[in-house]
Amino acid sequence: MALCGKLIGHVEVSKKGDIYNLIRYNPNDIAVISSDKVHGCDLHDGDRGTVGSVISWHYTHEGKKKISKQIIEAANDENHLIVFKVIGGDLVDELYKTFTITLNVDKKGDKEVATWTFEFEKPDTSVPYPTSLMDYLCDLVKDLDTYNNTK
């Protein structure tokens, strides 16, 4: 029996595109901006930010250093959308059967909103929903937005 789930988080941001461009094209800058959360992003295959490229994020979550190896499944600069499929690391090696992370930065009325969407499959009911990771990524967006407003 598949235990599939979807979790969505929204964060209001000030500048459309800056968060998206940082995450897609300049992820190592995030390690400078929010070094307590992200420590780096290694490119394993392909070109930075291109569909099909493979990257590994190095980060600290819940007090533990972790790695998430991902492939960029889709990206659209016009819509500020990027989809990462997690293919290795703590999330899929230890917790979930599958895990996909989508970021979309979009205009909503007179505001900009960064939306994270997780789609995942749990192996059994003992595995928790990834609410802590969602909170972490929403907080990361707030850090990036605060930095963008100070430069």
N, C-alpha and C. Protein backbone atom coordinates (compact mmCIF):
# COMPACT_ATOMS: atom_id res chain seq x y z
N MET A 1 0.83 -1.17 0.00
CA MET A 1 0.00 0.00 0.00
C MET A 1 0.88 1.25 0.00
N ALA A 2 0.67 2.12 -0.95
CA ALA A 2 1.44 3.35 -1.05
C ALA A 2 0.93 4.38 -0.06
N LEU A 3 1.84 5.02 0.63
CA LEU A 3 1.49 6.08 1.57
C LEU A 3 2.05 7.39 1.02
N CYS A 4 1.38 7.92 0.02
CA CYS A 4 1.84 9.12 -0.66
C CYS A 4 1.32 10.35 0.05
N GLY A 5 2.11 11.40 0.00
CA GLY A 5 1.71 12.64 0.63
C GLY A 5 2.18 13.85 -0.15
N LYS A 6 1.57 14.98 0.17
CA LYS A 6 1.93 16.25 -0.44
C LYS A 6 1.85 17.30 0.64
N LEU A 7 2.86 18.15 0.71
CA LEU A 7 2.92 19.20 1.71
C LEU A 7 3.31 20.49 1.00
N ILE A 8 2.62 21.58 1.31
CA ILE A 8 2.85 22.85 0.63
C ILE A 8 3.09 23.93 1.68
N GLY A 9 4.11 24.76 1.44
CA GLY A 9 4.41 25.89 2.32
C GLY A 9 4.59 27.15 1.50
N HIS A 10 4.11 28.27 2.03
CA HIS A 10 4.19 29.56 1.33
C HIS A 10 4.96 30.57 2.19
N VAL A 11 5.79 31.38 1.51
CA VAL A 11 6.52 32.45 2.18
C VAL A 11 6.42 33.70 1.32
N GLU A 12 5.97 34.79 1.91
CA GLU A 12 5.93 36.06 1.19
C GLU A 12 7.35 36.59 1.05
N VAL A 13 7.71 37.01 -0.16
CA VAL A 13 9.05 37.55 -0.42
C VAL A 13 8.93 38.91 -1.10
N SER A 14 10.05 39.64 -1.11
CA SER A 14 9.99 41.00 -1.61
C SER A 14 10.34 41.15 -3.09
N LYS A 15 11.21 40.29 -3.60
CA LYS A 15 11.67 40.46 -4.98
C LYS A 15 11.50 39.16 -5.77
N LYS A 16 10.65 39.18 -6.76
CA LYS A 16 10.45 37.98 -7.58
C LYS A 16 11.74 37.65 -8.33
N GLY A 17 12.10 36.40 -8.34
CA GLY A 17 13.24 35.96 -9.13
C GLY A 17 14.53 35.84 -8.34
N ASP A 18 14.76 36.70 -7.35
CA ASP A 18 16.02 36.64 -6.64
C ASP A 18 16.19 35.32 -5.90
N ILE A 19 15.17 34.87 -5.20
CA ILE A 19 15.24 33.60 -4.48
C ILE A 19 15.39 32.45 -5.48
N TYR A 20 14.58 32.48 -6.50
CA TYR A 20 14.62 31.44 -7.54
C TYR A 20 16.00 31.39 -8.19
N ASN A 21 16.53 32.54 -8.59
CA ASN A 21 17.83 32.58 -9.27
C ASN A 21 18.96 32.11 -8.36
N LEU A 22 18.89 32.47 -7.09
CA LEU A 22 19.90 31.98 -6.15
C LEU A 22 19.88 30.46 -6.08
N ILE A 23 18.71 29.89 -5.91
CA ILE A 23 18.61 28.45 -5.74
C ILE A 23 18.95 27.71 -7.03
N ARG A 24 18.52 28.24 -8.16
CA ARG A 24 18.78 27.55 -9.42
C ARG A 24 20.21 27.74 -9.92
N TYR A 25 20.67 28.98 -9.95
CA TYR A 25 21.94 29.27 -10.62
C TYR A 25 23.13 29.53 -9.70
N ASN A 26 22.89 29.94 -8.48
CA ASN A 26 23.98 30.31 -7.57
C ASN A 26 23.81 29.69 -6.19
N PRO A 27 23.60 28.39 -6.11
CA PRO A 27 23.32 27.79 -4.81
C PRO A 27 24.45 27.92 -3.79
N ASN A 28 25.70 28.03 -4.25
CA ASN A 28 26.79 28.17 -3.29
C ASN A 28 26.76 29.52 -2.59
N ASP A 29 26.11 30.52 -3.20
CA ASP A 29 25.95 31.82 -2.53
C ASP A 29 25.07 31.67 -1.29
N ILE A 30 24.19 30.69 -1.30
CA ILE A 30 23.30 30.47 -0.15
C ILE A 30 24.12 30.09 1.07
N ALA A 31 25.22 29.37 0.87
CA ALA A 31 26.09 28.98 1.98
C ALA A 31 26.75 30.20 2.63
N VAL A 32 26.93 31.27 1.88
CA VAL A 32 27.48 32.50 2.44
C VAL A 32 26.38 33.28 3.17
N ILE A 33 25.19 33.31 2.57
CA ILE A 33 24.07 34.08 3.12
C ILE A 33 23.50 33.43 4.38
N SER A 34 23.37 32.12 4.37
CA SER A 34 22.74 31.40 5.49
C SER A 34 23.61 30.20 5.87
N SER A 35 24.82 30.51 6.34
CA SER A 35 25.82 29.46 6.59
C SER A 35 25.43 28.52 7.74
N ASP A 36 24.51 28.93 8.59
CA ASP A 36 24.08 28.03 9.66
C ASP A 36 23.17 26.92 9.13
N LYS A 37 22.57 27.15 7.94
CA LYS A 37 21.67 26.16 7.36
C LYS A 37 22.30 25.40 6.20
N VAL A 38 22.93 26.11 5.27
CA VAL A 38 23.48 25.49 4.06
C VAL A 38 25.00 25.67 4.04
N HIS A 39 25.71 24.59 3.73
CA HIS A 39 27.17 24.62 3.75
C HIS A 39 27.78 24.57 2.35
N GLY A 40 26.99 24.21 1.35
CA GLY A 40 27.49 24.16 -0.01
C GLY A 40 26.59 23.33 -0.90
N CYS A 41 26.90 23.43 -2.18
CA CYS A 41 26.13 22.68 -3.18
C CYS A 41 27.09 22.21 -4.26
N ASP A 42 27.35 20.91 -4.33
CA ASP A 42 28.29 20.34 -5.30
C ASP A 42 27.56 19.96 -6.58
N LEU A 43 28.18 20.26 -7.70
CA LEU A 43 27.67 19.86 -9.01
C LEU A 43 28.36 18.55 -9.39
N HIS A 44 27.57 17.49 -9.62
CA HIS A 44 28.12 16.18 -9.97
C HIS A 44 28.09 15.92 -11.47
N ASP A 45 27.04 16.41 -12.14
CA ASP A 45 26.86 16.11 -13.56
C ASP A 45 26.04 17.23 -14.19
N GLY A 46 26.38 17.59 -15.42
CA GLY A 46 25.65 18.62 -16.13
C GLY A 46 26.17 20.01 -15.83
N ASP A 47 25.39 21.00 -16.18
CA ASP A 47 25.73 22.40 -15.95
C ASP A 47 24.83 22.96 -14.86
N ARG A 48 25.39 23.84 -14.05
CA ARG A 48 24.65 24.42 -12.92
C ARG A 48 23.31 24.98 -13.38
N GLY A 49 22.24 24.52 -12.76
CA GLY A 49 20.90 25.04 -13.03
C GLY A 49 20.16 24.43 -14.20
N THR A 50 20.78 23.50 -14.93
CA THR A 50 20.12 22.94 -16.11
C THR A 50 19.36 21.66 -15.77
N VAL A 51 18.29 21.45 -16.50
CA VAL A 51 17.50 20.23 -16.33
C VAL A 51 18.39 19.03 -16.62
N GLY A 52 18.34 18.05 -15.75
CA GLY A 52 19.16 16.85 -15.87
C GLY A 52 20.44 16.91 -15.07
N SER A 53 20.82 18.08 -14.58
CA SER A 53 22.05 18.17 -13.79
C SER A 53 21.82 17.54 -12.41
N VAL A 54 22.90 17.03 -11.85
CA VAL A 54 22.86 16.36 -10.55
C VAL A 54 23.69 17.17 -9.56
N ILE A 55 23.09 17.47 -8.42
CA ILE A 55 23.75 18.27 -7.39
C ILE A 55 23.57 17.61 -6.03
N SER A 56 24.44 17.99 -5.10
CA SER A 56 24.29 17.57 -3.70
C SER A 56 24.33 18.80 -2.82
N TRP A 57 23.27 18.96 -2.03
CA TRP A 57 23.21 20.02 -1.04
C TRP A 57 23.80 19.50 0.26
N HIS A 58 24.64 20.31 0.90
CA HIS A 58 25.19 20.01 2.22
C HIS A 58 24.56 21.02 3.18
N TYR A 59 23.89 20.50 4.22
CA TYR A 59 23.13 21.39 5.08
C TYR A 59 23.02 20.82 6.50
N THR A 60 22.59 21.66 7.41
CA THR A 60 22.32 21.23 8.77
C THR A 60 20.83 21.40 9.03
N HIS A 61 20.21 20.31 9.48
CA HIS A 61 18.78 20.32 9.79
C HIS A 61 18.59 19.55 11.09
N GLU A 62 17.86 20.15 12.01
CA GLU A 62 17.61 19.56 13.33
C GLU A 62 18.91 19.22 14.05
N GLY A 63 19.91 20.10 13.88
CA GLY A 63 21.19 19.94 14.55
C GLY A 63 22.13 18.91 13.96
N LYS A 64 21.75 18.31 12.82
CA LYS A 64 22.59 17.28 12.20
C LYS A 64 23.00 17.70 10.80
N LYS A 65 24.26 17.44 10.46
CA LYS A 65 24.73 17.70 9.10
C LYS A 65 24.18 16.61 8.18
N LYS A 66 23.65 17.05 7.05
CA LYS A 66 23.01 16.12 6.11
C LYS A 66 23.41 16.44 4.68
N ILE A 67 23.09 15.49 3.80
CA ILE A 67 23.34 15.65 2.36
C ILE A 67 22.07 15.23 1.64
N SER A 68 21.75 15.97 0.59
CA SER A 68 20.63 15.60 -0.27
C SER A 68 21.10 15.67 -1.72
N LYS A 69 21.20 14.50 -2.35
CA LYS A 69 21.60 14.43 -3.75
C LYS A 69 20.33 14.51 -4.60
N GLN A 70 20.34 15.42 -5.58
CA GLN A 70 19.13 15.69 -6.35
C GLN A 70 19.44 15.86 -7.83
N ILE A 71 18.43 15.58 -8.63
CA ILE A 71 18.50 15.86 -10.06
C ILE A 71 17.44 16.93 -10.36
N ILE A 72 17.80 17.90 -11.18
CA ILE A 72 16.82 18.91 -11.57
C ILE A 72 15.96 18.28 -12.66
N GLU A 73 14.69 18.05 -12.32
CA GLU A 73 13.75 17.41 -13.26
C GLU A 73 13.10 18.39 -14.21
N ALA A 74 12.88 19.61 -13.76
CA ALA A 74 12.23 20.62 -14.60
C ALA A 74 12.61 22.00 -14.09
N ALA A 75 12.60 22.97 -14.99
CA ALA A 75 12.87 24.35 -14.61
C ALA A 75 12.24 25.26 -15.65
N ASN A 76 11.74 26.39 -15.20
CA ASN A 76 11.11 27.35 -16.10
C ASN A 76 11.39 28.75 -15.56
N ASP A 77 12.30 29.47 -16.24
CA ASP A 77 12.67 30.81 -15.78
C ASP A 77 11.51 31.79 -15.86
N GLU A 78 10.67 31.65 -16.86
CA GLU A 78 9.54 32.57 -17.02
C GLU A 78 8.58 32.48 -15.84
N ASN A 79 8.34 31.26 -15.37
CA ASN A 79 7.42 31.03 -14.25
C ASN A 79 8.13 30.90 -12.91
N HIS A 80 9.46 31.05 -12.91
CA HIS A 80 10.26 30.91 -11.69
C HIS A 80 9.93 29.62 -10.95
N LEU A 81 10.07 28.50 -11.68
CA LEU A 81 9.72 27.18 -11.16
C LEU A 81 10.90 26.24 -11.36
N ILE A 82 11.21 25.48 -10.32
CA ILE A 82 12.25 24.45 -10.42
C ILE A 82 11.81 23.23 -9.62
N VAL A 83 12.07 22.05 -10.19
CA VAL A 83 11.67 20.79 -9.57
C VAL A 83 12.92 19.93 -9.35
N PHE A 84 13.12 19.53 -8.11
CA PHE A 84 14.24 18.66 -7.74
C PHE A 84 13.71 17.29 -7.33
N LYS A 85 14.24 16.24 -7.92
CA LYS A 85 13.92 14.88 -7.47
C LYS A 85 15.09 14.42 -6.60
N VAL A 86 14.81 14.04 -5.37
CA VAL A 86 15.84 13.59 -4.45
C VAL A 86 16.21 12.15 -4.81
N ILE A 87 17.50 11.92 -5.09
CA ILE A 87 17.95 10.59 -5.53
C ILE A 87 18.95 9.96 -4.57
N GLY A 88 19.32 10.68 -3.53
CA GLY A 88 20.26 10.14 -2.55
C GLY A 88 20.32 11.02 -1.32
N GLY A 89 20.94 10.51 -0.28
CA GLY A 89 21.04 11.26 0.96
C GLY A 89 20.01 10.81 1.98
N ASP A 90 19.97 11.54 3.08
CA ASP A 90 19.16 11.15 4.23
C ASP A 90 17.67 10.95 3.91
N LEU A 91 17.10 11.82 3.11
CA LEU A 91 15.66 11.74 2.85
C LEU A 91 15.23 10.42 2.23
N VAL A 92 15.92 10.00 1.18
CA VAL A 92 15.49 8.77 0.48
C VAL A 92 16.27 7.53 0.92
N ASP A 93 17.44 7.72 1.51
CA ASP A 93 18.18 6.54 1.98
C ASP A 93 17.67 6.05 3.33
N GLU A 94 17.09 6.98 4.13
CA GLU A 94 16.70 6.62 5.49
C GLU A 94 15.20 6.75 5.76
N LEU A 95 14.50 7.65 5.04
CA LEU A 95 13.12 7.93 5.43
C LEU A 95 12.07 7.59 4.38
N TYR A 96 12.17 8.20 3.22
CA TYR A 96 11.10 8.11 2.22
C TYR A 96 11.50 7.26 1.03
N LYS A 97 10.52 6.63 0.40
CA LYS A 97 10.78 5.86 -0.82
C LYS A 97 11.07 6.81 -1.98
N THR A 98 10.29 7.87 -2.09
CA THR A 98 10.51 8.90 -3.12
C THR A 98 10.26 10.26 -2.49
N PHE A 99 10.94 11.29 -3.05
CA PHE A 99 10.78 12.64 -2.52
C PHE A 99 11.10 13.63 -3.63
N THR A 100 10.16 14.52 -3.91
CA THR A 100 10.34 15.57 -4.91
C THR A 100 10.05 16.91 -4.26
N ILE A 101 10.92 17.89 -4.57
CA ILE A 101 10.79 19.24 -4.02
C ILE A 101 10.61 20.22 -5.17
N THR A 102 9.57 21.03 -5.11
CA THR A 102 9.32 22.04 -6.13
C THR A 102 9.33 23.41 -5.47
N LEU A 103 10.00 24.36 -6.13
CA LEU A 103 9.95 25.76 -5.71
C LEU A 103 9.35 26.57 -6.84
N ASN A 104 8.39 27.42 -6.49
CA ASN A 104 7.76 28.33 -7.45
C ASN A 104 7.66 29.70 -6.78
N VAL A 105 8.21 30.73 -7.43
CA VAL A 105 8.08 32.09 -6.92
C VAL A 105 7.14 32.82 -7.87
N ASP A 106 6.01 33.28 -7.32
CA ASP A 106 4.93 33.78 -8.16
C ASP A 106 4.33 35.05 -7.58
N LYS A 107 3.75 35.85 -8.45
CA LYS A 107 3.05 37.06 -8.02
C LYS A 107 1.64 36.68 -7.57
N LYS A 108 1.27 37.14 -6.38
CA LYS A 108 -0.08 36.91 -5.85
C LYS A 108 -0.61 38.27 -5.41
N GLY A 109 -1.47 38.86 -6.24
CA GLY A 109 -1.94 40.20 -5.96
C GLY A 109 -0.78 41.17 -6.10
N ASP A 110 -0.55 41.99 -5.08
CA ASP A 110 0.57 42.94 -5.13
C ASP A 110 1.80 42.42 -4.38
N LYS A 111 1.82 41.12 -4.09
CA LYS A 111 2.93 40.51 -3.34
C LYS A 111 3.58 39.39 -4.17
N GLU A 112 4.75 39.00 -3.72
CA GLU A 112 5.44 37.85 -4.29
C GLU A 112 5.43 36.74 -3.24
N VAL A 113 5.21 35.50 -3.68
CA VAL A 113 5.14 34.37 -2.77
C VAL A 113 6.02 33.23 -3.30
N ALA A 114 6.90 32.73 -2.42
CA ALA A 114 7.68 31.54 -2.72
C ALA A 114 6.89 30.35 -2.17
N THR A 115 6.62 29.39 -3.03
CA THR A 115 5.86 28.21 -2.62
C THR A 115 6.73 26.97 -2.76
N TRP A 116 6.90 26.26 -1.67
CA TRP A 116 7.57 24.96 -1.67
C TRP A 116 6.50 23.88 -1.70
N THR A 117 6.70 22.87 -2.52
CA THR A 117 5.80 21.71 -2.54
C THR A 117 6.64 20.45 -2.42
N PHE A 118 6.30 19.61 -1.46
CA PHE A 118 6.92 18.30 -1.31
C PHE A 118 5.92 17.26 -1.77
N GLU A 119 6.37 16.33 -2.59
CA GLU A 119 5.58 15.14 -2.91
C GLU A 119 6.44 13.95 -2.54
N PHE A 120 5.88 13.03 -1.77
CA PHE A 120 6.71 11.97 -1.21
C PHE A 120 5.89 10.71 -1.02
N GLU A 121 6.65 9.61 -0.86
CA GLU A 121 6.03 8.33 -0.54
C GLU A 121 6.73 7.77 0.69
N LYS A 122 5.95 7.48 1.72
CA LYS A 122 6.47 6.92 2.95
C LYS A 122 6.43 5.40 2.87
N PRO A 123 7.44 4.72 3.41
CA PRO A 123 7.41 3.25 3.39
C PRO A 123 6.37 2.66 4.34
N ASP A 124 6.07 3.39 5.42
CA ASP A 124 5.06 2.93 6.37
C ASP A 124 4.59 4.11 7.22
N THR A 125 3.60 3.87 8.05
CA THR A 125 2.99 4.95 8.83
C THR A 125 3.89 5.50 9.94
N SER A 126 4.98 4.81 10.26
CA SER A 126 5.86 5.30 11.31
C SER A 126 6.72 6.48 10.87
N VAL A 127 6.85 6.67 9.56
CA VAL A 127 7.66 7.78 9.03
C VAL A 127 6.84 9.06 9.13
N PRO A 128 7.42 10.10 9.73
CA PRO A 128 6.65 11.34 9.92
C PRO A 128 6.50 12.14 8.62
N TYR A 129 5.51 13.01 8.61
CA TYR A 129 5.39 13.97 7.52
C TYR A 129 6.56 14.94 7.63
N PRO A 130 7.08 15.44 6.51
CA PRO A 130 8.28 16.28 6.53
C PRO A 130 8.01 17.75 6.89
N THR A 131 7.22 17.97 7.94
CA THR A 131 6.86 19.33 8.33
C THR A 131 8.08 20.12 8.83
N SER A 132 8.98 19.46 9.53
CA SER A 132 10.18 20.13 10.02
C SER A 132 11.05 20.60 8.86
N LEU A 133 11.17 19.79 7.82
CA LEU A 133 11.94 20.18 6.64
C LEU A 133 11.25 21.34 5.91
N MET A 134 9.93 21.33 5.86
CA MET A 134 9.20 22.43 5.24
C MET A 134 9.47 23.72 6.00
N ASP A 135 9.40 23.67 7.33
CA ASP A 135 9.70 24.85 8.14
C ASP A 135 11.12 25.34 7.88
N TYR A 136 12.04 24.40 7.76
CA TYR A 136 13.44 24.72 7.49
C TYR A 136 13.58 25.48 6.16
N LEU A 137 12.96 24.98 5.09
CA LEU A 137 13.09 25.63 3.79
C LEU A 137 12.36 26.98 3.76
N CYS A 138 11.25 27.09 4.45
CA CYS A 138 10.56 28.38 4.53
C CYS A 138 11.42 29.39 5.29
N ASP A 139 12.07 28.96 6.36
CA ASP A 139 12.99 29.84 7.09
C ASP A 139 14.19 30.23 6.23
N LEU A 140 14.68 29.30 5.41
CA LEU A 140 15.79 29.60 4.51
C LEU A 140 15.38 30.69 3.52
N VAL A 141 14.19 30.60 2.97
CA VAL A 141 13.71 31.64 2.04
C VAL A 141 13.65 32.99 2.75
N LYS A 142 13.21 33.01 4.00
CA LYS A 142 13.16 34.26 4.75
C LYS A 142 14.56 34.84 4.92
N ASP A 143 15.56 33.97 5.21
CA ASP A 143 16.94 34.42 5.32
C ASP A 143 17.42 35.04 4.01
N LEU A 144 17.13 34.36 2.90
CA LEU A 144 17.57 34.85 1.59
C LEU A 144 16.89 36.16 1.24
N ASP A 145 15.62 36.27 1.56
CA ASP A 145 14.88 37.50 1.27
C ASP A 145 15.40 38.66 2.11
N THR A 146 15.68 38.40 3.39
CA THR A 146 16.24 39.44 4.25
C THR A 146 17.58 39.93 3.70
N TYR A 147 18.42 39.00 3.26
CA TYR A 147 19.70 39.36 2.67
C TYR A 147 19.50 40.20 1.41
N ASN A 148 18.59 39.81 0.55
CA ASN A 148 18.33 40.57 -0.69
C ASN A 148 17.89 42.00 -0.38
N ASN A 149 17.19 42.19 0.72
CA ASN A 149 16.70 43.53 1.07
C ASN A 149 17.78 44.40 1.69
N THR A 150 18.91 43.79 2.12
CA THR A 150 19.98 44.58 2.74
C THR A 150 21.09 44.92 1.76
N LYS A 151 21.08 44.32 0.57
CA LYS A 151 22.18 44.62 -0.36
C LYS A 151 21.83 45.73 -1.31
